Amino acid sequence: MAFCVLILIVTQLCQAFSENQNVLFIIVDDLRTSLGCYGDKVAHSPNIDLLAQQSFVFTNAYSQQALCGPSRTSLLTSRSPHHLNQYDVHQYWRLSAGNFTSLPQYFKESGYRTVSIGKVFHPGKCSNFVDDQPFSWSVQPFHPKSERFKNAPVCPSINGSGNSMSIVCPVDVQDQPGETLPDLESLGKAEKYLENHVQNTLEEPFFLAVGFHKPHIPLKFPQEYLSTTLFTLGYSIRKWKKLKHKYHPLEKMSLPHMKRRPPKLPSSAWNPWLDLRKRDDIRHLNISFPWGEVPNEWALRLRQSYYASVTYIDHLIGRLIKKIDELKLKKNTIILLTSDHGWSLGEHGEWSKYSNYEVSTHIPLILSIPGKTGRHIKHLVELLDVFPTLVDTAGIKGGIPECVNGYTDTFCTDGRSLTPLLDNIKREVLPWRRGAFSQYPRPGDYPVMKPNSDQPDQQDIKVMGYSVRTSRHRYTEWLLFDPKINKANWTQVYGSELYDHTIDPEENLNLSDREVLNPLIVSLKEMLYKRWGD
């Protein structure tokens, strides 16, 4: 009799677990919308494109700040950076703002086994040096052993005479420390976890978060994504251009139309890409600070290496999704793929992120839900929306209330669930948000090396750029900011930017000085104030 009762309990447990949707959460570091499924004709991303064909693709999704730490914390808590009081990588939100519930924590408390592999939370102080463990994860988060060589001199030097700390870094994996790369390690760990999950029939449903490092700098990737002979023979820059590459030949690379600072760009808006200037291959170019341009030859190489890094990660994502298919998990696994922010590839003469431009804030957001036919969705969405959307699509009861006061409410969202858009099969016109919002801090009105204009420490912030993207325009204001009270002075404006995407999708022509557009500017400024003002 006791044996029969045990069998019944086991059967009920298995049935209960099988009714829950698993979640595979993939976040790619510094990935802009340079993907085939987002219309980029240079990109080679067949695996992500295939996933997109079966998924909901949000074509207008935006990050809240183009810096890894604040963006990831915002995404994983569904709180705006100003509610988290976090604009750098040195604040832990549970101490600086409040004991807010995180996305994986909520799934863990709802009966899920939550697992972190690679870079999910930003490492260091902004996740309390332990990836918010034990609050968010059921087991110890996994970080690849080879990650500690991220900034080691393991890149081929430009003249082929040894190794360097370069930004352009195609490598022979067998020559790397441990004969591997961090993202390869993360993929292997994720595949092994999925295999073990299938073997353990009593294991609860999983929330598996996998964070891939590339295309974050350095642009280190297996050299076969360019050519198997290029760096082993130590070619010079001149000979580089004559070689044929497997995926991204230089002759197919092009430069942006505006490859220098636009004439009407406020000085406070400029991103001087200090992290690239420190790399050996860029440093030897002696580019003047802060407005100097990367030579065209090197600009093409940087763009080529970024695209190659994306192809490398696309291949790993393809292997991960293939494992889901092989283990017959696809029918009950939600897959979400996104990024923390974009990356400038020479547009406006800028490199890296660190701005409110479209190329830095616009991110891919792809959601595959078992049993639902996907499609492209053009509504404006934010990374803040991911948390409540995954809770709803996974079928967790209760949902998440919208924040009334984001500074004090311990469990709420600054975003909104995207399920009304997902369920809008007839594609009717739905009332939705008018704008998607982003912000970026500066230590002053003019670019400087110290304090770092790209990544100022919280106490050094003196200027804040607030930006709104509507269906047609982007409007940004750079305001005096006091980090002690976490507020801006809306009467002290250092500069403004207005771009019309119907005539200027690359945001090269600042229209904020056109008097005829003043009524529009007033309206957009009211949107900024409603979001961030008192």
Protein backbone atom coordinates (compact mmCIF):
# COMPACT_ATOMS: atom_id res chain seq x y z
CA MET A 1 0.00 0.00 0.00
CA ALA A 2 2.79 2.43 0.94
CA PHE A 3 4.56 1.64 -2.33
CA CYS A 4 1.41 2.48 -4.31
CA VAL A 5 1.07 5.80 -2.46
CA LEU A 6 4.71 6.60 -3.27
CA ILE A 7 4.14 5.84 -6.95
CA LEU A 8 1.07 8.09 -6.94
CA ILE A 9 3.01 10.96 -5.34
CA VAL A 10 5.86 10.60 -7.84
CA THR A 11 3.39 10.52 -10.73
CA GLN A 12 1.65 13.66 -9.48
CA LEU A 13 4.96 15.46 -9.03
CA CYS A 14 6.09 14.59 -12.55
CA GLN A 15 2.74 15.72 -13.96
CA ALA A 16 2.89 19.00 -12.01
CA PHE A 17 6.42 19.73 -13.20
CA SER A 18 5.58 18.85 -16.82
CA GLU A 19 2.71 21.36 -16.85
CA ASN A 20 5.11 24.24 -16.12
CA GLN A 21 6.96 25.95 -18.91
CA ASN A 22 10.75 25.90 -18.71
CA VAL A 23 12.55 29.15 -19.53
CA LEU A 24 15.79 29.50 -21.48
CA PHE A 25 16.94 33.10 -21.00
CA ILE A 26 19.79 34.08 -23.34
CA ILE A 27 21.49 37.44 -22.94
CA VAL A 28 24.29 38.51 -25.29
CA ASP A 29 26.74 41.21 -24.19
CA ASP A 30 26.83 44.41 -26.30
CA LEU A 31 24.72 42.94 -29.11
CA ARG A 32 23.06 45.59 -31.25
CA THR A 33 20.48 44.74 -33.90
CA SER A 34 23.19 43.62 -36.36
CA LEU A 35 21.27 40.48 -37.24
CA GLY A 36 19.70 39.22 -40.43
CA CYS A 37 16.26 39.03 -38.80
CA TYR A 38 16.53 42.76 -38.06
CA GLY A 39 17.30 43.59 -41.67
CA ASP A 40 21.10 43.82 -41.49
CA LYS A 41 22.34 42.60 -44.87
CA VAL A 42 25.97 42.28 -43.74
CA ALA A 43 25.21 40.06 -40.73
CA HIS A 44 25.62 36.29 -40.90
CA SER A 45 23.34 35.06 -38.12
CA PRO A 46 21.46 32.01 -39.50
CA ASN A 47 20.66 30.40 -36.14
CA ILE A 48 19.21 33.50 -34.51
CA ASP A 49 17.36 34.23 -37.75
CA LEU A 50 15.85 30.72 -37.67
CA LEU A 51 14.76 31.23 -34.07
CA ALA A 52 13.21 34.55 -35.10
CA GLN A 53 11.14 32.85 -37.79
CA GLN A 54 9.42 30.87 -35.05
CA SER A 55 9.20 33.69 -32.52
CA PHE A 56 7.82 37.09 -31.65
CA VAL A 57 10.40 39.62 -32.82
CA PHE A 58 10.14 43.03 -31.19
CA THR A 59 11.58 45.42 -33.72
CA ASN A 60 11.53 48.47 -31.44
CA ALA A 61 12.94 47.31 -28.10
CA TYR A 62 15.17 49.59 -26.02
CA SER A 63 17.60 49.41 -23.14
CA GLN A 64 17.30 51.83 -20.23
CA GLN A 65 21.03 52.63 -20.06
CA ALA A 66 23.83 51.69 -22.44
CA LEU A 67 26.14 50.30 -19.76
CA CYS A 68 26.27 46.62 -18.72
CA GLY A 69 25.79 46.90 -14.94
CA PRO A 70 22.87 49.35 -14.76
CA SER A 71 21.16 47.81 -17.78
CA ARG A 72 21.31 44.24 -16.49
CA THR A 73 20.20 45.19 -13.02
CA SER A 74 17.33 47.19 -14.52
CA LEU A 75 16.33 44.27 -16.76
CA LEU A 76 16.54 41.66 -13.98
CA THR A 77 14.63 43.74 -11.41
CA SER A 78 12.27 45.49 -13.85
CA ARG A 79 13.22 48.81 -12.26
CA SER A 80 14.46 51.93 -14.00
CA PRO A 81 18.05 52.95 -13.20
CA HIS A 82 16.79 56.05 -11.37
CA HIS A 83 14.63 53.87 -9.10
CA LEU A 84 17.64 51.64 -8.48
CA ASN A 85 19.89 54.66 -7.92
CA GLN A 86 22.42 52.87 -10.10
CA TYR A 87 24.25 54.50 -13.02
CA ASP A 88 27.64 52.81 -12.66
CA VAL A 89 28.91 49.30 -11.89
CA HIS A 90 29.66 50.02 -8.23
CA GLN A 91 26.18 49.94 -6.65
CA TYR A 92 24.33 46.88 -5.31
CA TRP A 93 20.65 47.65 -5.57
CA ARG A 94 19.61 45.76 -2.42
CA LEU A 95 21.81 48.17 -0.46
CA SER A 96 21.58 51.36 -2.53
CA ALA A 97 17.87 51.30 -3.33
CA GLY A 98 15.79 48.51 -1.78
CA ASN A 99 15.44 44.77 -1.37
CA PHE A 100 13.71 44.43 -4.74
CA THR A 101 12.80 40.98 -6.07
CA SER A 102 14.78 39.86 -9.11
CA LEU A 103 13.47 37.94 -12.12
CA PRO A 104 15.26 34.66 -11.30
CA GLN A 105 14.40 35.10 -7.61
CA TYR A 106 10.70 35.27 -8.45
CA PHE A 107 10.93 32.10 -10.54
CA LYS A 108 12.88 30.40 -7.76
CA GLU A 109 10.22 31.32 -5.22
CA SER A 110 7.59 30.00 -7.68
CA GLY A 111 9.07 26.49 -7.70
CA TYR A 112 11.66 26.77 -10.46
CA ARG A 113 15.26 25.65 -10.40
CA THR A 114 17.15 28.79 -11.37
CA VAL A 115 20.59 28.43 -12.92
CA SER A 116 23.05 31.12 -14.05
CA ILE A 117 25.79 30.35 -16.58
CA GLY A 118 28.20 32.99 -17.86
CA LYS A 119 27.50 36.72 -17.62
CA VAL A 120 23.90 37.25 -16.54
CA PHE A 121 24.09 39.72 -13.67
CA HIS A 122 27.03 42.04 -14.15
CA PRO A 123 29.87 40.65 -12.01
CA GLY A 124 31.38 42.67 -9.18
CA LYS A 125 29.84 45.03 -6.69
CA CYS A 126 26.58 45.64 -8.59
CA SER A 127 25.63 41.99 -7.91
CA ASN A 128 27.37 41.90 -4.50
CA PHE A 129 30.32 39.96 -6.05
CA VAL A 130 28.22 36.75 -5.97
CA ASP A 131 25.69 37.27 -8.80
CA ASP A 132 23.02 38.02 -6.18
CA GLN A 133 23.45 34.57 -4.68
CA PRO A 134 21.66 33.03 -2.77
CA PHE A 135 18.61 35.22 -3.47
CA SER A 136 18.35 34.66 -7.23
CA TRP A 137 19.81 31.22 -7.93
CA SER A 138 19.17 27.66 -6.79
CA VAL A 139 22.80 26.67 -7.33
CA GLN A 140 26.13 28.49 -7.42
CA PRO A 141 26.39 30.60 -10.62
CA PHE A 142 28.92 29.32 -13.16
CA HIS A 143 31.67 31.51 -14.56
CA PRO A 144 34.14 30.12 -17.11
CA LYS A 145 37.68 29.60 -15.83
CA SER A 146 39.09 31.22 -18.97
CA GLU A 147 37.18 34.42 -18.19
CA ARG A 148 40.13 35.62 -16.10
CA PHE A 149 42.16 35.94 -19.32
CA LYS A 150 39.65 38.41 -20.78
CA ASN A 151 42.17 41.26 -20.82
CA ALA A 152 45.36 39.19 -20.92
CA PRO A 153 47.88 39.71 -23.77
CA VAL A 154 46.67 36.72 -25.78
CA CYS A 155 45.78 38.50 -29.04
CA PRO A 156 48.01 38.33 -32.14
CA SER A 157 50.07 41.50 -32.49
CA ILE A 158 49.64 43.58 -35.59
CA ASN A 159 53.09 42.71 -36.95
CA GLY A 160 52.87 39.02 -36.06
CA SER A 161 55.71 39.21 -33.52
CA GLY A 162 54.10 37.96 -30.32
CA ASN A 163 50.94 38.67 -28.37
CA SER A 164 49.18 41.86 -27.40
CA MET A 165 46.16 43.34 -25.66
CA SER A 166 44.38 44.35 -28.85
CA ILE A 167 40.76 45.10 -29.62
CA VAL A 168 40.82 43.10 -32.87
CA CYS A 169 41.55 39.57 -31.69
CA PRO A 170 40.79 36.53 -33.89
CA VAL A 171 42.59 33.59 -32.28
CA ASP A 172 43.45 29.94 -32.63
CA VAL A 173 41.46 28.43 -29.76
CA GLN A 174 44.07 25.72 -29.24
CA ASP A 175 46.63 28.42 -28.47
CA GLN A 176 44.47 30.08 -25.81
CA PRO A 177 44.86 29.43 -22.07
CA GLY A 178 43.11 26.14 -21.35
CA GLU A 179 42.61 25.66 -25.10
CA THR A 180 39.19 27.26 -24.88
CA LEU A 181 37.26 30.54 -24.69
CA PRO A 182 34.73 31.68 -22.06
CA ASP A 183 31.67 31.37 -24.28
CA LEU A 184 32.68 27.86 -25.35
CA GLU A 185 32.89 26.91 -21.68
CA SER A 186 29.49 28.42 -20.96
CA LEU A 187 27.91 26.56 -23.86
CA GLY A 188 29.36 23.25 -22.64
CA LYS A 189 28.08 23.87 -19.11
CA ALA A 190 24.59 24.74 -20.40
CA GLU A 191 24.43 21.66 -22.61
CA LYS A 192 25.48 19.48 -19.67
CA TYR A 193 22.84 21.01 -17.42
CA LEU A 194 20.09 20.32 -19.96
CA GLU A 195 21.20 16.69 -20.30
CA ASN A 196 21.15 16.25 -16.53
CA HIS A 197 17.74 17.89 -16.30
CA VAL A 198 16.24 15.36 -18.70
CA GLN A 199 17.82 12.46 -16.81
CA ASN A 200 16.42 13.72 -13.49
CA THR A 201 12.70 13.25 -14.01
CA LEU A 202 11.83 14.66 -10.57
CA GLU A 203 13.64 17.95 -11.09
CA GLU A 204 11.47 21.05 -10.98
CA PRO A 205 11.06 23.19 -14.14
CA PHE A 206 14.11 25.28 -14.93
CA PHE A 207 14.86 28.93 -15.45
CA LEU A 208 18.21 28.62 -17.23
CA ALA A 209 20.00 31.92 -17.85
CA VAL A 210 22.96 31.79 -20.25
CA GLY A 211 25.02 34.93 -20.76
CA PHE A 212 27.45 35.08 -23.69
CA HIS A 213 30.34 37.57 -23.48
CA LYS A 214 30.94 38.36 -27.13
CA PRO A 215 30.68 40.68 -28.99
CA HIS A 216 31.86 42.63 -25.91
CA ILE A 217 35.43 43.86 -26.31
CA PRO A 218 38.02 42.61 -26.86
CA LEU A 219 36.66 41.25 -30.13
CA LYS A 220 38.18 37.83 -29.41
CA PHE A 221 36.74 34.97 -31.44
CA PRO A 222 37.94 31.80 -33.22
CA GLN A 223 39.81 32.90 -36.31
CA GLU A 224 37.86 30.54 -38.57
CA TYR A 225 35.07 33.12 -38.51
CA LEU A 226 37.40 35.18 -40.69
CA SER A 227 40.16 33.02 -42.18
CA THR A 228 42.26 30.10 -40.95
CA THR A 229 45.52 31.60 -42.18
CA LEU A 230 45.21 35.32 -41.55
CA PHE A 231 46.91 35.74 -38.19
CA THR A 232 49.05 32.60 -38.05
CA LEU A 233 51.06 34.07 -40.93
CA GLY A 234 51.25 37.52 -39.36
CA TYR A 235 50.00 39.56 -42.26
CA SER A 236 50.44 43.31 -42.34
CA ILE A 237 47.50 45.70 -42.63
CA ARG A 238 48.16 46.18 -46.33
CA LYS A 239 48.08 42.45 -47.09
CA TRP A 240 45.01 42.01 -44.88
CA LYS A 241 42.85 43.72 -47.47
CA LYS A 242 43.87 41.29 -50.19
CA LEU A 243 42.77 38.17 -48.31
CA LYS A 244 39.40 36.49 -48.76
CA HIS A 245 37.49 35.81 -45.54
CA LYS A 246 34.99 33.03 -45.00
CA TYR A 247 32.12 35.07 -43.56
CA HIS A 248 32.91 38.77 -43.53
CA PRO A 249 35.34 39.88 -46.23
CA LEU A 250 36.56 43.43 -45.87
CA GLU A 251 35.30 44.33 -49.32
CA LYS A 252 31.76 43.74 -48.04
CA MET A 253 32.27 46.00 -45.07
CA SER A 254 31.18 49.60 -45.38
CA LEU A 255 31.55 52.70 -43.26
CA PRO A 256 28.65 54.72 -41.82
CA HIS A 257 27.62 57.86 -43.70
CA MET A 258 28.56 60.06 -40.75
CA LYS A 259 31.88 58.73 -39.43
CA ARG A 260 32.84 61.82 -37.45
CA ARG A 261 31.21 63.94 -34.77
CA PRO A 262 28.08 65.59 -36.20
CA PRO A 263 28.39 69.40 -36.26
CA LYS A 264 25.37 70.02 -34.00
CA LEU A 265 26.05 67.32 -31.42
CA PRO A 266 26.27 68.77 -27.87
CA SER A 267 29.68 68.16 -26.31
CA SER A 268 28.03 66.45 -23.33
CA ALA A 269 26.58 63.84 -25.68
CA TRP A 270 29.96 62.72 -27.03
CA ASN A 271 31.33 59.27 -26.19
CA PRO A 272 35.17 59.38 -26.49
CA TRP A 273 35.47 55.53 -26.38
CA LEU A 274 38.23 55.51 -23.78
CA ASP A 275 38.23 51.73 -23.39
CA LEU A 276 39.25 51.26 -27.03
CA ARG A 277 42.01 53.86 -26.80
CA LYS A 278 43.72 51.72 -24.15
CA ARG A 279 44.06 48.71 -26.48
CA ASP A 280 47.46 48.15 -28.07
CA ASP A 281 46.29 48.18 -31.69
CA ILE A 282 44.27 51.40 -31.30
CA ARG A 283 46.73 53.12 -28.99
CA HIS A 284 49.53 52.91 -31.56
CA LEU A 285 47.38 54.95 -33.99
CA ASN A 286 47.84 58.07 -31.79
CA ILE A 287 44.29 59.30 -32.34
CA SER A 288 43.74 62.75 -30.85
CA PHE A 289 41.45 63.11 -27.84
CA PRO A 290 38.51 63.58 -27.72
CA TRP A 291 37.31 64.20 -31.31
CA GLY A 292 39.89 62.25 -33.35
CA GLU A 293 38.68 59.72 -35.92
CA VAL A 294 39.65 56.08 -36.34
CA PRO A 295 41.33 55.70 -39.77
CA ASN A 296 39.07 54.12 -42.36
CA GLU A 297 41.25 51.04 -42.69
CA TRP A 298 40.98 50.32 -38.99
CA ALA A 299 37.30 51.27 -38.85
CA LEU A 300 36.61 48.55 -41.41
CA ARG A 301 38.59 46.02 -39.40
CA LEU A 302 36.72 46.88 -36.21
CA ARG A 303 33.38 46.49 -37.95
CA GLN A 304 34.49 43.23 -39.54
CA SER A 305 35.60 41.82 -36.18
CA TYR A 306 32.36 42.84 -34.49
CA TYR A 307 30.31 41.04 -37.15
CA ALA A 308 32.59 38.01 -36.90
CA SER A 309 32.05 37.95 -33.12
CA VAL A 310 28.29 38.01 -33.68
CA THR A 311 28.56 35.08 -36.11
CA TYR A 312 30.59 33.17 -33.52
CA ILE A 313 27.94 33.69 -30.84
CA ASP A 314 25.18 32.88 -33.33
CA HIS A 315 26.85 29.51 -33.87
CA LEU A 316 26.91 28.81 -30.12
CA ILE A 317 23.28 29.84 -29.72
CA GLY A 318 22.42 27.48 -32.58
CA ARG A 319 24.11 24.62 -30.73
CA LEU A 320 22.26 25.46 -27.53
CA ILE A 321 18.86 25.50 -29.24
CA LYS A 322 19.76 22.29 -31.07
CA LYS A 323 20.37 20.66 -27.69
CA ILE A 324 16.90 21.80 -26.59
CA ASP A 325 15.48 20.10 -29.70
CA GLU A 326 17.51 16.90 -29.28
CA LEU A 327 16.35 16.50 -25.68
CA LYS A 328 12.72 17.07 -26.72
CA LEU A 329 12.41 20.10 -24.46
CA LYS A 330 11.25 22.53 -27.13
CA LYS A 331 7.54 21.80 -26.66
CA ASN A 332 7.60 23.13 -23.10
CA THR A 333 10.47 25.64 -23.09
CA ILE A 334 10.09 29.37 -23.56
CA ILE A 335 13.17 30.90 -25.21
CA LEU A 336 13.98 34.57 -24.82
CA LEU A 337 17.01 36.16 -26.48
CA THR A 338 18.08 39.72 -25.88
CA SER A 339 21.01 42.02 -25.14
CA ASP A 340 21.88 44.55 -22.44
CA HIS A 341 22.39 47.38 -24.99
CA GLY A 342 23.82 48.11 -28.42
CA TRP A 343 27.23 49.28 -29.59
CA SER A 344 28.41 52.06 -31.90
CA LEU A 345 30.43 50.88 -34.89
CA GLY A 346 31.79 54.24 -36.00
CA GLU A 347 28.44 55.97 -36.37
CA HIS A 348 28.96 59.66 -35.52
CA GLY A 349 32.65 58.85 -35.04
CA GLU A 350 31.86 56.90 -31.85
CA TRP A 351 32.81 53.38 -30.76
CA SER A 352 31.50 51.36 -27.79
CA LYS A 353 28.15 52.11 -26.14
CA TYR A 354 27.99 54.93 -23.54
CA SER A 355 25.39 57.12 -25.26
CA ASN A 356 21.68 57.69 -25.87
CA TYR A 357 21.96 57.15 -29.61
CA GLU A 358 19.77 54.59 -31.37
CA VAL A 359 22.74 52.31 -32.10
CA SER A 360 23.50 52.13 -28.36
CA THR A 361 19.99 51.77 -26.94
CA HIS A 362 18.18 49.73 -29.63
CA ILE A 363 18.45 46.02 -28.83
CA PRO A 364 17.17 42.71 -30.20
CA LEU A 365 14.33 41.06 -28.30
CA ILE A 366 13.14 37.68 -29.54
CA LEU A 367 10.60 35.54 -27.69
CA SER A 368 9.66 31.95 -28.62
CA ILE A 369 6.59 30.51 -26.87
CA PRO A 370 5.59 26.86 -27.38
CA GLY A 371 2.30 26.55 -29.21
CA LYS A 372 2.22 30.15 -30.40
CA THR A 373 2.96 31.40 -33.89
CA GLY A 374 5.33 34.33 -33.79
CA ARG A 375 5.44 37.53 -35.82
CA HIS A 376 7.15 40.90 -35.90
CA ILE A 377 5.80 43.44 -33.40
CA LYS A 378 6.54 47.13 -34.00
CA HIS A 379 5.27 48.57 -30.72
CA LEU A 380 7.77 50.39 -28.51
CA VAL A 381 8.95 48.11 -25.72
CA GLU A 382 11.62 48.29 -23.03
CA LEU A 383 13.86 45.76 -21.29
CA LEU A 384 11.78 46.59 -18.20
CA ASP A 385 8.98 44.58 -19.85
CA VAL A 386 10.88 41.27 -19.89
CA PHE A 387 10.27 40.35 -16.23
CA PRO A 388 6.45 40.65 -16.20
CA THR A 389 6.21 39.13 -19.68
CA LEU A 390 8.12 35.97 -18.74
CA VAL A 391 6.07 35.59 -15.57
CA ASP A 392 2.84 35.73 -17.59
CA THR A 393 3.99 33.49 -20.46
CA ALA A 394 5.29 30.88 -18.01
CA GLY A 395 1.83 30.74 -16.45
CA ILE A 396 2.89 31.81 -12.96
CA LYS A 397 -0.24 32.99 -11.18
CA GLY A 398 -0.55 36.43 -9.68
CA GLY A 399 1.51 38.48 -12.09
CA ILE A 400 3.42 41.59 -11.06
CA PRO A 401 1.75 44.89 -10.16
CA GLU A 402 2.96 48.13 -11.70
CA CYS A 403 5.05 50.31 -9.40
CA VAL A 404 3.18 53.14 -7.71
CA ASN A 405 6.32 54.39 -6.02
CA GLY A 406 9.36 52.70 -7.50
CA TYR A 407 11.58 53.80 -4.63
CA THR A 408 9.67 52.02 -1.88
CA ASP A 409 7.58 49.21 -3.35
CA THR A 410 9.51 45.97 -2.85
CA PHE A 411 7.66 43.93 -5.48
CA CYS A 412 6.46 45.69 -8.61
CA THR A 413 7.52 46.54 -12.16
CA ASP A 414 8.38 49.77 -13.93
CA GLY A 415 7.57 47.91 -17.17
CA ARG A 416 4.49 46.13 -18.40
CA SER A 417 3.67 42.65 -19.59
CA LEU A 418 3.77 42.29 -23.37
CA THR A 419 1.10 39.58 -23.41
CA PRO A 420 -1.57 41.92 -24.89
CA LEU A 421 0.72 42.36 -27.90
CA LEU A 422 1.40 38.63 -28.10
CA ASP A 423 -2.30 37.78 -27.96
CA ASN A 424 -3.26 40.39 -30.56
CA ILE A 425 -3.63 37.82 -33.33
CA LYS A 426 -5.81 40.10 -35.46
CA ARG A 427 -3.13 42.80 -35.18
CA GLU A 428 -5.60 45.41 -34.09
CA VAL A 429 -4.38 48.87 -33.11
CA LEU A 430 -3.77 48.69 -29.36
CA PRO A 431 -3.20 51.62 -27.02
CA TRP A 432 0.41 51.32 -25.96
CA ARG A 433 3.26 53.45 -24.67
CA ARG A 434 4.10 56.58 -26.65
CA GLY A 435 7.82 56.39 -25.95
CA ALA A 436 10.70 54.18 -24.84
CA PHE A 437 13.10 55.85 -22.41
CA SER A 438 16.86 55.72 -21.86
CA GLN A 439 19.41 57.79 -19.97
CA TYR A 440 23.15 58.23 -19.71
CA PRO A 441 25.37 60.09 -17.19
CA ARG A 442 28.44 62.28 -17.72
CA PRO A 443 30.94 63.81 -15.28
CA GLY A 444 30.61 67.17 -17.03
CA ASP A 445 29.67 69.03 -20.16
CA TYR A 446 32.94 68.30 -21.97
CA PRO A 447 34.64 64.91 -22.58
CA VAL A 448 37.49 64.15 -20.17
CA MET A 449 39.64 61.15 -19.30
CA LYS A 450 39.45 61.70 -15.53
CA PRO A 451 36.73 61.36 -14.35
CA ASN A 452 35.91 58.90 -17.13
CA SER A 453 33.37 60.50 -19.49
CA ASP A 454 32.23 57.09 -20.70
CA GLN A 455 31.84 55.42 -17.31
CA PRO A 456 31.73 58.02 -14.53
CA ASP A 457 31.51 56.81 -10.96
CA GLN A 458 28.22 57.66 -9.32
CA GLN A 459 29.63 60.45 -7.15
CA ASP A 460 31.27 62.10 -10.20
CA ILE A 461 28.07 62.49 -12.22
CA LYS A 462 27.30 66.13 -12.95
CA VAL A 463 25.23 65.83 -16.15
CA MET A 464 22.46 63.40 -17.09
CA GLY A 465 21.14 62.81 -20.59
CA TYR A 466 17.45 61.85 -20.66
CA SER A 467 16.15 60.42 -23.92
CA VAL A 468 12.81 59.33 -25.35
CA ARG A 469 12.25 57.37 -28.55
CA THR A 470 8.80 57.68 -30.10
CA SER A 471 7.58 55.97 -33.25
CA ARG A 472 9.10 58.79 -35.30
CA HIS A 473 11.47 60.90 -33.20
CA ARG A 474 14.24 60.70 -30.64
CA TYR A 475 14.60 63.61 -28.25
CA THR A 476 17.39 63.95 -25.66
CA GLU A 477 18.19 66.64 -23.10
CA TRP A 478 21.45 66.94 -21.16
CA LEU A 479 20.77 68.44 -17.73
CA LEU A 480 22.63 69.42 -14.60
CA PHE A 481 22.42 66.47 -12.19
CA ASP A 482 23.01 66.05 -8.46
CA PRO A 483 23.94 62.44 -7.55
CA LYS A 484 23.43 63.12 -3.83
CA ILE A 485 19.70 63.58 -4.26
CA ASN A 486 19.40 61.61 -7.52
CA LYS A 487 17.69 64.48 -9.33
CA ALA A 488 18.24 66.76 -12.30
CA ASN A 489 17.84 70.51 -12.52
CA TRP A 490 15.40 70.88 -15.39
CA THR A 491 16.19 74.57 -15.80
CA GLN A 492 19.91 73.97 -16.48
CA VAL A 493 20.12 72.45 -19.97
CA TYR A 494 23.57 71.84 -21.46
CA GLY A 495 22.31 70.65 -24.82
CA SER A 496 19.47 68.94 -26.63
CA GLU A 497 19.06 66.60 -29.60
CA LEU A 498 16.08 65.97 -31.86
CA TYR A 499 16.15 63.42 -34.69
CA ASP A 500 13.41 62.57 -37.16
CA HIS A 501 13.70 58.91 -38.13
CA THR A 502 11.53 59.26 -41.22
CA ILE A 503 14.23 61.36 -42.90
CA ASP A 504 17.26 60.61 -40.72
CA PRO A 505 17.26 57.02 -39.34
CA GLU A 506 20.98 57.23 -38.54
CA GLU A 507 20.44 60.28 -36.30
CA ASN A 508 22.97 62.54 -37.99
CA LEU A 509 20.92 65.76 -38.26
CA ASN A 510 20.10 67.44 -34.95
CA LEU A 511 16.90 69.46 -35.43
CA SER A 512 16.58 70.85 -31.92
CA ASP A 513 17.45 74.41 -33.04
CA ARG A 514 14.57 74.60 -35.55
CA GLU A 515 12.08 77.10 -34.12
CA VAL A 516 9.25 75.69 -36.19
CA LEU A 517 9.62 72.44 -34.21
CA ASN A 518 9.30 74.08 -30.78
CA PRO A 519 5.76 72.74 -30.15
CA LEU A 520 7.02 69.20 -30.82
CA ILE A 521 10.02 69.75 -28.54
CA VAL A 522 7.78 71.01 -25.74
CA SER A 523 5.64 67.88 -26.06
CA LEU A 524 8.66 65.57 -25.98
CA LYS A 525 10.18 67.44 -23.06
CA GLU A 526 6.94 66.92 -21.15
CA MET A 527 7.33 63.19 -21.72
CA LEU A 528 10.84 63.32 -20.25
CA TYR A 529 9.66 65.28 -17.25
CA LYS A 530 6.75 62.93 -16.64
CA ARG A 531 9.22 60.04 -16.54
CA TRP A 532 11.98 61.63 -14.47
CA GLY A 533 10.73 64.91 -12.99
CA ASP A 534 9.30 65.44 -9.50
